[in-house]
Amino acid sequence: GSCHSFVATLGRLVPQLRGQEFTE
């Protein structure tokens, strides 16, 4: 469940990062 939760969270968050710029 912990592994699944981690992957699911990244699957939700990473696409939302599109267009964002991060500092170094």
mmCIF file of all heavy atoms, coordinates in Angstrom:
data_MODEL
# 
_entry.id   MODEL 
# 
loop_
_atom_site.group_PDB 
_atom_site.id 
_atom_site.type_symbol 
_atom_site.label_atom_id 
_atom_site.label_alt_id 
_atom_site.label_comp_id 
_atom_site.label_asym_id 
_atom_site.label_entity_id 
_atom_site.label_seq_id 
_atom_site.pdbx_PDB_ins_code 
_atom_site.Cartn_x 
_atom_site.Cartn_y 
_atom_site.Cartn_z 
_atom_site.occupancy 
_atom_site.B_iso_or_equiv 
_atom_site.pdbx_formal_charge 
_atom_site.auth_seq_id 
_atom_site.auth_comp_id 
_atom_site.auth_asym_id 
_atom_site.auth_atom_id 
_atom_site.pdbx_PDB_model_num 
ATOM 1   N N   . GLY A 1 1  ? 0.817  -1.213 0.000   1.00 0.00 ? 1  GLY A N   1 
ATOM 2   C CA  . GLY A 1 1  ? 0.000  0.000  0.000   1.00 0.00 ? 1  GLY A CA  1 
ATOM 3   C C   . GLY A 1 1  ? 0.847  1.256  0.000   1.00 0.00 ? 1  GLY A C   1 
ATOM 4   O O   . GLY A 1 1  ? 0.523  2.235  -0.686  1.00 0.00 ? 1  GLY A O   1 
ATOM 5   N N   . SER A 1 2  ? 1.946  1.254  0.752   1.00 0.00 ? 2  SER A N   1 
ATOM 6   C CA  . SER A 1 2  ? 2.849  2.407  0.769   1.00 0.00 ? 2  SER A CA  1 
ATOM 7   C C   . SER A 1 2  ? 3.470  2.634  -0.600  1.00 0.00 ? 2  SER A C   1 
ATOM 8   O O   . SER A 1 2  ? 3.556  3.778  -1.068  1.00 0.00 ? 2  SER A O   1 
ATOM 9   C CB  . SER A 1 2  ? 3.960  2.199  1.798   1.00 0.00 ? 2  SER A CB  1 
ATOM 10  O OG  . SER A 1 2  ? 3.437  2.162  3.088   1.00 0.00 ? 2  SER A OG  1 
ATOM 11  N N   . CYS A 1 3  ? 3.903  1.556  -1.240  1.00 0.00 ? 3  CYS A N   1 
ATOM 12  C CA  . CYS A 1 3  ? 4.473  1.678  -2.589  1.00 0.00 ? 3  CYS A CA  1 
ATOM 13  C C   . CYS A 1 3  ? 3.429  2.207  -3.568  1.00 0.00 ? 3  CYS A C   1 
ATOM 14  O O   . CYS A 1 3  ? 3.705  3.115  -4.363  1.00 0.00 ? 3  CYS A O   1 
ATOM 15  C CB  . CYS A 1 3  ? 4.999  0.326  -3.068  1.00 0.00 ? 3  CYS A CB  1 
ATOM 16  S SG  . CYS A 1 3  ? 6.431  -0.269 -2.139  1.00 0.00 ? 3  CYS A SG  1 
ATOM 17  N N   . HIS A 1 4  ? 2.243  1.649  -3.498  1.00 0.00 ? 4  HIS A N   1 
ATOM 18  C CA  . HIS A 1 4  ? 1.165  2.089  -4.397  1.00 0.00 ? 4  HIS A CA  1 
ATOM 19  C C   . HIS A 1 4  ? 0.830  3.562  -4.155  1.00 0.00 ? 4  HIS A C   1 
ATOM 20  O O   . HIS A 1 4  ? 0.670  4.333  -5.106  1.00 0.00 ? 4  HIS A O   1 
ATOM 21  C CB  . HIS A 1 4  ? -0.078 1.228  -4.204  1.00 0.00 ? 4  HIS A CB  1 
ATOM 22  C CG  . HIS A 1 4  ? -1.251 1.706  -5.001  1.00 0.00 ? 4  HIS A CG  1 
ATOM 23  N ND1 . HIS A 1 4  ? -1.339 1.523  -6.359  1.00 0.00 ? 4  HIS A ND1 1 
ATOM 24  C CD2 . HIS A 1 4  ? -2.348 2.403  -4.632  1.00 0.00 ? 4  HIS A CD2 1 
ATOM 25  C CE1 . HIS A 1 4  ? -2.459 2.088  -6.790  1.00 0.00 ? 4  HIS A CE1 1 
ATOM 26  N NE2 . HIS A 1 4  ? -3.081 2.621  -5.764  1.00 0.00 ? 4  HIS A NE2 1 
ATOM 27  N N   . SER A 1 5  ? 0.740  3.962  -2.910  1.00 0.00 ? 5  SER A N   1 
ATOM 28  C CA  . SER A 1 5  ? 0.409  5.344  -2.570  1.00 0.00 ? 5  SER A CA  1 
ATOM 29  C C   . SER A 1 5  ? 1.461  6.307  -3.103  1.00 0.00 ? 5  SER A C   1 
ATOM 30  O O   . SER A 1 5  ? 1.128  7.367  -3.656  1.00 0.00 ? 5  SER A O   1 
ATOM 31  C CB  . SER A 1 5  ? 0.292  5.476  -1.052  1.00 0.00 ? 5  SER A CB  1 
ATOM 32  O OG  . SER A 1 5  ? 0.041  6.804  -0.690  1.00 0.00 ? 5  SER A OG  1 
ATOM 33  N N   . PHE A 1 6  ? 2.726  5.939  -2.966  1.00 0.00 ? 6  PHE A N   1 
ATOM 34  C CA  . PHE A 1 6  ? 3.808  6.794  -3.461  1.00 0.00 ? 6  PHE A CA  1 
ATOM 35  C C   . PHE A 1 6  ? 3.704  6.978  -4.969  1.00 0.00 ? 6  PHE A C   1 
ATOM 36  O O   . PHE A 1 6  ? 3.749  8.105  -5.484  1.00 0.00 ? 6  PHE A O   1 
ATOM 37  C CB  . PHE A 1 6  ? 5.162  6.190  -3.082  1.00 0.00 ? 6  PHE A CB  1 
ATOM 38  C CG  . PHE A 1 6  ? 6.324  6.973  -3.607  1.00 0.00 ? 6  PHE A CG  1 
ATOM 39  C CD1 . PHE A 1 6  ? 6.680  8.184  -3.035  1.00 0.00 ? 6  PHE A CD1 1 
ATOM 40  C CD2 . PHE A 1 6  ? 7.056  6.518  -4.681  1.00 0.00 ? 6  PHE A CD2 1 
ATOM 41  C CE1 . PHE A 1 6  ? 7.745  8.916  -3.526  1.00 0.00 ? 6  PHE A CE1 1 
ATOM 42  C CE2 . PHE A 1 6  ? 8.123  7.233  -5.182  1.00 0.00 ? 6  PHE A CE2 1 
ATOM 43  C CZ  . PHE A 1 6  ? 8.468  8.440  -4.597  1.00 0.00 ? 6  PHE A CZ  1 
ATOM 44  N N   . VAL A 1 7  ? 3.551  5.873  -5.689  1.00 0.00 ? 7  VAL A N   1 
ATOM 45  C CA  . VAL A 1 7  ? 3.461  5.939  -7.153  1.00 0.00 ? 7  VAL A CA  1 
ATOM 46  C C   . VAL A 1 7  ? 2.214  6.710  -7.580  1.00 0.00 ? 7  VAL A C   1 
ATOM 47  O O   . VAL A 1 7  ? 2.262  7.544  -8.496  1.00 0.00 ? 7  VAL A O   1 
ATOM 48  C CB  . VAL A 1 7  ? 3.479  4.517  -7.760  1.00 0.00 ? 7  VAL A CB  1 
ATOM 49  C CG1 . VAL A 1 7  ? 3.170  4.545  -9.248  1.00 0.00 ? 7  VAL A CG1 1 
ATOM 50  C CG2 . VAL A 1 7  ? 4.830  3.855  -7.500  1.00 0.00 ? 7  VAL A CG2 1 
ATOM 51  N N   . ALA A 1 8  ? 1.095  6.471  -6.918  1.00 0.00 ? 8  ALA A N   1 
ATOM 52  C CA  . ALA A 1 8  ? -0.149 7.173  -7.259  1.00 0.00 ? 8  ALA A CA  1 
ATOM 53  C C   . ALA A 1 8  ? -0.012 8.674  -7.009  1.00 0.00 ? 8  ALA A C   1 
ATOM 54  O O   . ALA A 1 8  ? -0.481 9.493  -7.819  1.00 0.00 ? 8  ALA A O   1 
ATOM 55  C CB  . ALA A 1 8  ? -1.316 6.604  -6.449  1.00 0.00 ? 8  ALA A CB  1 
ATOM 56  N N   . THR A 1 9  ? 0.641  9.047  -5.921  1.00 0.00 ? 9  THR A N   1 
ATOM 57  C CA  . THR A 1 9  ? 0.835  10.461 -5.622  1.00 0.00 ? 9  THR A CA  1 
ATOM 58  C C   . THR A 1 9  ? 1.694  11.124 -6.688  1.00 0.00 ? 9  THR A C   1 
ATOM 59  O O   . THR A 1 9  ? 1.369  12.218 -7.177  1.00 0.00 ? 9  THR A O   1 
ATOM 60  C CB  . THR A 1 9  ? 1.470  10.642 -4.228  1.00 0.00 ? 9  THR A CB  1 
ATOM 61  O OG1 . THR A 1 9  ? 0.589  10.097 -3.248  1.00 0.00 ? 9  THR A OG1 1 
ATOM 62  C CG2 . THR A 1 9  ? 1.730  12.102 -3.925  1.00 0.00 ? 9  THR A CG2 1 
ATOM 63  N N   . LEU A 1 10 ? 2.772  10.466 -7.078  1.00 0.00 ? 10 LEU A N   1 
ATOM 64  C CA  . LEU A 1 10 ? 3.601  11.026 -8.154  1.00 0.00 ? 10 LEU A CA  1 
ATOM 65  C C   . LEU A 1 10 ? 2.819  11.103 -9.462  1.00 0.00 ? 10 LEU A C   1 
ATOM 66  O O   . LEU A 1 10 ? 2.948  12.082 -10.202 1.00 0.00 ? 10 LEU A O   1 
ATOM 67  C CB  . LEU A 1 10 ? 4.868  10.192 -8.352  1.00 0.00 ? 10 LEU A CB  1 
ATOM 68  C CG  . LEU A 1 10 ? 5.941  10.327 -7.292  1.00 0.00 ? 10 LEU A CG  1 
ATOM 69  C CD1 . LEU A 1 10 ? 7.144  9.473  -7.646  1.00 0.00 ? 10 LEU A CD1 1 
ATOM 70  C CD2 . LEU A 1 10 ? 6.350  11.768 -7.100  1.00 0.00 ? 10 LEU A CD2 1 
ATOM 71  N N   . GLY A 1 11 ? 2.009  10.094 -9.735  1.00 0.00 ? 11 GLY A N   1 
ATOM 72  C CA  . GLY A 1 11 ? 1.198  10.103 -10.947 1.00 0.00 ? 11 GLY A CA  1 
ATOM 73  C C   . GLY A 1 11 ? 0.226  11.275 -10.983 1.00 0.00 ? 11 GLY A C   1 
ATOM 74  O O   . GLY A 1 11 ? -0.132 11.775 -12.050 1.00 0.00 ? 11 GLY A O   1 
ATOM 75  N N   . ARG A 1 12 ? -0.190 11.708 -9.824  1.00 0.00 ? 12 ARG A N   1 
ATOM 76  C CA  . ARG A 1 12 ? -1.097 12.862 -9.732  1.00 0.00 ? 12 ARG A CA  1 
ATOM 77  C C   . ARG A 1 12 ? -0.330 14.182 -9.773  1.00 0.00 ? 12 ARG A C   1 
ATOM 78  O O   . ARG A 1 12 ? -0.743 15.134 -10.426 1.00 0.00 ? 12 ARG A O   1 
ATOM 79  C CB  . ARG A 1 12 ? -1.907 12.751 -8.438  1.00 0.00 ? 12 ARG A CB  1 
ATOM 80  C CG  . ARG A 1 12 ? -2.914 13.864 -8.219  1.00 0.00 ? 12 ARG A CG  1 
ATOM 81  C CD  . ARG A 1 12 ? -3.711 13.672 -6.930  1.00 0.00 ? 12 ARG A CD  1 
ATOM 82  N NE  . ARG A 1 12 ? -2.922 13.371 -5.756  1.00 0.00 ? 12 ARG A NE  1 
ATOM 83  C CZ  . ARG A 1 12 ? -2.301 14.290 -5.005  1.00 0.00 ? 12 ARG A CZ  1 
ATOM 84  N NH1 . ARG A 1 12 ? -2.375 15.548 -5.319  1.00 0.00 ? 12 ARG A NH1 1 
ATOM 85  N NH2 . ARG A 1 12 ? -1.607 13.921 -3.939  1.00 0.00 ? 12 ARG A NH2 1 
ATOM 86  N N   . LEU A 1 13 ? 0.813  14.255 -9.079  1.00 0.00 ? 13 LEU A N   1 
ATOM 87  C CA  . LEU A 1 13 ? 1.527  15.512 -8.928  1.00 0.00 ? 13 LEU A CA  1 
ATOM 88  C C   . LEU A 1 13 ? 2.416  15.892 -10.119 1.00 0.00 ? 13 LEU A C   1 
ATOM 89  O O   . LEU A 1 13 ? 2.452  17.060 -10.510 1.00 0.00 ? 13 LEU A O   1 
ATOM 90  C CB  . LEU A 1 13 ? 2.396  15.473 -7.665  1.00 0.00 ? 13 LEU A CB  1 
ATOM 91  C CG  . LEU A 1 13 ? 1.662  15.479 -6.346  1.00 0.00 ? 13 LEU A CG  1 
ATOM 92  C CD1 . LEU A 1 13 ? 2.640  15.334 -5.196  1.00 0.00 ? 13 LEU A CD1 1 
ATOM 93  C CD2 . LEU A 1 13 ? 0.851  16.747 -6.190  1.00 0.00 ? 13 LEU A CD2 1 
ATOM 94  N N   . VAL A 1 14 ? 3.148  14.922 -10.653 1.00 0.00 ? 14 VAL A N   1 
ATOM 95  C CA  . VAL A 1 14 ? 4.120  15.254 -11.698 1.00 0.00 ? 14 VAL A CA  1 
ATOM 96  C C   . VAL A 1 14 ? 3.469  15.915 -12.915 1.00 0.00 ? 14 VAL A C   1 
ATOM 97  O O   . VAL A 1 14 ? 3.975  16.933 -13.393 1.00 0.00 ? 14 VAL A O   1 
ATOM 98  C CB  . VAL A 1 14 ? 4.962  14.020 -12.087 1.00 0.00 ? 14 VAL A CB  1 
ATOM 99  C CG1 . VAL A 1 14 ? 5.850  14.302 -13.282 1.00 0.00 ? 14 VAL A CG1 1 
ATOM 100 C CG2 . VAL A 1 14 ? 5.804  13.568 -10.889 1.00 0.00 ? 14 VAL A CG2 1 
ATOM 101 N N   . PRO A 1 15 ? 2.340  15.423 -13.425 1.00 0.00 ? 15 PRO A N   1 
ATOM 102 C CA  . PRO A 1 15 ? 1.732  16.119 -14.567 1.00 0.00 ? 15 PRO A CA  1 
ATOM 103 C C   . PRO A 1 15 ? 1.337  17.572 -14.253 1.00 0.00 ? 15 PRO A C   1 
ATOM 104 O O   . PRO A 1 15 ? 1.309  18.424 -15.147 1.00 0.00 ? 15 PRO A O   1 
ATOM 105 C CB  . PRO A 1 15 ? 0.490  15.282 -14.883 1.00 0.00 ? 15 PRO A CB  1 
ATOM 106 C CG  . PRO A 1 15 ? 0.827  13.921 -14.386 1.00 0.00 ? 15 PRO A CG  1 
ATOM 107 C CD  . PRO A 1 15 ? 1.642  14.166 -13.142 1.00 0.00 ? 15 PRO A CD  1 
ATOM 108 N N   . GLN A 1 16 ? 1.053  17.869 -12.997 1.00 0.00 ? 16 GLN A N   1 
ATOM 109 C CA  . GLN A 1 16 ? 0.680  19.234 -12.622 1.00 0.00 ? 16 GLN A CA  1 
ATOM 110 C C   . GLN A 1 16 ? 1.878  20.185 -12.649 1.00 0.00 ? 16 GLN A C   1 
ATOM 111 O O   . GLN A 1 16 ? 1.705  21.399 -12.592 1.00 0.00 ? 16 GLN A O   1 
ATOM 112 C CB  . GLN A 1 16 ? 0.056  19.256 -11.230 1.00 0.00 ? 16 GLN A CB  1 
ATOM 113 C CG  . GLN A 1 16 ? -1.270 18.542 -11.150 1.00 0.00 ? 16 GLN A CG  1 
ATOM 114 C CD  . GLN A 1 16 ? -1.810 18.488 -9.724  1.00 0.00 ? 16 GLN A CD  1 
ATOM 115 O OE1 . GLN A 1 16 ? -1.191 18.948 -8.778  1.00 0.00 ? 16 GLN A OE1 1 
ATOM 116 N NE2 . GLN A 1 16 ? -2.977 17.892 -9.583  1.00 0.00 ? 16 GLN A NE2 1 
ATOM 117 N N   . LEU A 1 17 ? 3.086  19.635 -12.738 1.00 0.00 ? 17 LEU A N   1 
ATOM 118 C CA  . LEU A 1 17 ? 4.286  20.464 -12.739 1.00 0.00 ? 17 LEU A CA  1 
ATOM 119 C C   . LEU A 1 17 ? 4.572  21.083 -14.107 1.00 0.00 ? 17 LEU A C   1 
ATOM 120 O O   . LEU A 1 17 ? 5.436  21.952 -14.215 1.00 0.00 ? 17 LEU A O   1 
ATOM 121 C CB  . LEU A 1 17 ? 5.496  19.632 -12.294 1.00 0.00 ? 17 LEU A CB  1 
ATOM 122 C CG  . LEU A 1 17 ? 5.419  19.020 -10.905 1.00 0.00 ? 17 LEU A CG  1 
ATOM 123 C CD1 . LEU A 1 17 ? 6.642  18.154 -10.637 1.00 0.00 ? 17 LEU A CD1 1 
ATOM 124 C CD2 . LEU A 1 17 ? 5.282  20.100 -9.852  1.00 0.00 ? 17 LEU A CD2 1 
ATOM 125 N N   . ARG A 1 18 ? 3.856  20.638 -15.120 1.00 0.00 ? 18 ARG A N   1 
ATOM 126 C CA  . ARG A 1 18 ? 4.070  21.132 -16.477 1.00 0.00 ? 18 ARG A CA  1 
ATOM 127 C C   . ARG A 1 18 ? 4.013  22.653 -16.489 1.00 0.00 ? 18 ARG A C   1 
ATOM 128 O O   . ARG A 1 18 ? 3.097  23.264 -15.959 1.00 0.00 ? 18 ARG A O   1 
ATOM 129 C CB  . ARG A 1 18 ? 3.033  20.565 -17.435 1.00 0.00 ? 18 ARG A CB  1 
ATOM 130 C CG  . ARG A 1 18 ? 3.279  20.957 -18.881 1.00 0.00 ? 18 ARG A CG  1 
ATOM 131 C CD  . ARG A 1 18 ? 2.337  20.262 -19.827 1.00 0.00 ? 18 ARG A CD  1 
ATOM 132 N NE  . ARG A 1 18 ? 2.740  18.848 -19.913 1.00 0.00 ? 18 ARG A NE  1 
ATOM 133 C CZ  . ARG A 1 18 ? 1.901  17.834 -19.728 1.00 0.00 ? 18 ARG A CZ  1 
ATOM 134 N NH1 . ARG A 1 18 ? 0.639  18.045 -19.464 1.00 0.00 ? 18 ARG A NH1 1 
ATOM 135 N NH2 . ARG A 1 18 ? 2.327  16.607 -19.821 1.00 0.00 ? 18 ARG A NH2 1 
ATOM 136 N N   . GLY A 1 19 ? 5.026  23.266 -17.080 1.00 0.00 ? 19 GLY A N   1 
ATOM 137 C CA  . GLY A 1 19 ? 5.062  24.710 -17.208 1.00 0.00 ? 19 GLY A CA  1 
ATOM 138 C C   . GLY A 1 19 ? 5.653  25.436 -16.019 1.00 0.00 ? 19 GLY A C   1 
ATOM 139 O O   . GLY A 1 19 ? 5.874  26.645 -16.082 1.00 0.00 ? 19 GLY A O   1 
ATOM 140 N N   . GLN A 1 20 ? 5.903  24.739 -14.940 1.00 0.00 ? 20 GLN A N   1 
ATOM 141 C CA  . GLN A 1 20 ? 6.480  25.391 -13.766 1.00 0.00 ? 20 GLN A CA  1 
ATOM 142 C C   . GLN A 1 20 ? 7.999  25.405 -13.887 1.00 0.00 ? 20 GLN A C   1 
ATOM 143 O O   . GLN A 1 20 ? 8.599  24.457 -14.373 1.00 0.00 ? 20 GLN A O   1 
ATOM 144 C CB  . GLN A 1 20 ? 6.075  24.664 -12.483 1.00 0.00 ? 20 GLN A CB  1 
ATOM 145 C CG  . GLN A 1 20 ? 4.590  24.744 -12.201 1.00 0.00 ? 20 GLN A CG  1 
ATOM 146 C CD  . GLN A 1 20 ? 4.257  24.148 -10.844 1.00 0.00 ? 20 GLN A CD  1 
ATOM 147 O OE1 . GLN A 1 20 ? 5.059  24.215 -9.927  1.00 0.00 ? 20 GLN A OE1 1 
ATOM 148 N NE2 . GLN A 1 20 ? 3.080  23.578 -10.734 1.00 0.00 ? 20 GLN A NE2 1 
ATOM 149 N N   . GLU A 1 21 ? 8.583  26.477 -13.441 1.00 0.00 ? 21 GLU A N   1 
ATOM 150 C CA  . GLU A 1 21 ? 10.044 26.568 -13.419 1.00 0.00 ? 21 GLU A CA  1 
ATOM 151 C C   . GLU A 1 21 ? 10.514 26.524 -11.978 1.00 0.00 ? 21 GLU A C   1 
ATOM 152 O O   . GLU A 1 21 ? 9.918  27.133 -11.101 1.00 0.00 ? 21 GLU A O   1 
ATOM 153 C CB  . GLU A 1 21 ? 10.500 27.854 -14.100 1.00 0.00 ? 21 GLU A CB  1 
ATOM 154 C CG  . GLU A 1 21 ? 10.197 27.856 -15.584 1.00 0.00 ? 21 GLU A CG  1 
ATOM 155 C CD  . GLU A 1 21 ? 10.813 29.052 -16.289 1.00 0.00 ? 21 GLU A CD  1 
ATOM 156 O OE1 . GLU A 1 21 ? 11.804 29.597 -15.788 1.00 0.00 ? 21 GLU A OE1 1 
ATOM 157 O OE2 . GLU A 1 21 ? 10.286 29.408 -17.352 1.00 0.00 ? 21 GLU A OE2 1 
ATOM 158 N N   . PHE A 1 22 ? 11.581 25.796 -11.770 1.00 0.00 ? 22 PHE A N   1 
ATOM 159 C CA  . PHE A 1 22 ? 12.115 25.622 -10.426 1.00 0.00 ? 22 PHE A CA  1 
ATOM 160 C C   . PHE A 1 22 ? 13.469 26.303 -10.332 1.00 0.00 ? 22 PHE A C   1 
ATOM 161 O O   . PHE A 1 22 ? 14.242 26.316 -11.288 1.00 0.00 ? 22 PHE A O   1 
ATOM 162 C CB  . PHE A 1 22 ? 12.253 24.133 -10.086 1.00 0.00 ? 22 PHE A CB  1 
ATOM 163 C CG  . PHE A 1 22 ? 10.942 23.416 -10.033 1.00 0.00 ? 22 PHE A CG  1 
ATOM 164 C CD1 . PHE A 1 22 ? 10.445 22.739 -11.136 1.00 0.00 ? 22 PHE A CD1 1 
ATOM 165 C CD2 . PHE A 1 22 ? 10.189 23.433 -8.865  1.00 0.00 ? 22 PHE A CD2 1 
ATOM 166 C CE1 . PHE A 1 22 ? 9.227  22.099 -11.076 1.00 0.00 ? 22 PHE A CE1 1 
ATOM 167 C CE2 . PHE A 1 22 ? 8.973  22.787 -8.808  1.00 0.00 ? 22 PHE A CE2 1 
ATOM 168 C CZ  . PHE A 1 22 ? 8.485  22.117 -9.910  1.00 0.00 ? 22 PHE A CZ  1 
ATOM 169 N N   . THR A 1 23 ? 13.742 26.834 -9.158  1.00 0.00 ? 23 THR A N   1 
ATOM 170 C CA  . THR A 1 23 ? 15.060 27.410 -8.924  1.00 0.00 ? 23 THR A CA  1 
ATOM 171 C C   . THR A 1 23 ? 16.066 26.272 -8.821  1.00 0.00 ? 23 THR A C   1 
ATOM 172 O O   . THR A 1 23 ? 15.697 25.100 -8.630  1.00 0.00 ? 23 THR A O   1 
ATOM 173 C CB  . THR A 1 23 ? 15.088 28.232 -7.622  1.00 0.00 ? 23 THR A CB  1 
ATOM 174 O OG1 . THR A 1 23 ? 14.922 27.325 -6.508  1.00 0.00 ? 23 THR A OG1 1 
ATOM 175 C CG2 . THR A 1 23 ? 14.014 29.308 -7.613  1.00 0.00 ? 23 THR A CG2 1 
ATOM 176 N N   . GLU A 1 24 ? 17.337 26.612 -8.908  1.00 0.00 ? 24 GLU A N   1 
ATOM 177 C CA  . GLU A 1 24 ? 18.375 25.594 -8.772  1.00 0.00 ? 24 GLU A CA  1 
ATOM 178 C C   . GLU A 1 24 ? 18.315 24.953 -7.390  1.00 0.00 ? 24 GLU A C   1 
ATOM 179 O O   . GLU A 1 24 ? 18.479 23.742 -7.254  1.00 0.00 ? 24 GLU A O   1 
ATOM 180 C CB  . GLU A 1 24 ? 19.760 26.194 -9.020  1.00 0.00 ? 24 GLU A CB  1 
ATOM 181 C CG  . GLU A 1 24 ? 20.866 25.157 -9.028  1.00 0.00 ? 24 GLU A CG  1 
ATOM 182 C CD  . GLU A 1 24 ? 20.667 24.039 -10.052 1.00 0.00 ? 24 GLU A CD  1 
ATOM 183 O OE1 . GLU A 1 24 ? 20.180 24.290 -11.167 1.00 0.00 ? 24 GLU A OE1 1 
ATOM 184 O OE2 . GLU A 1 24 ? 20.991 22.882 -9.704  1.00 0.00 ? 24 GLU A OE2 1 
# 
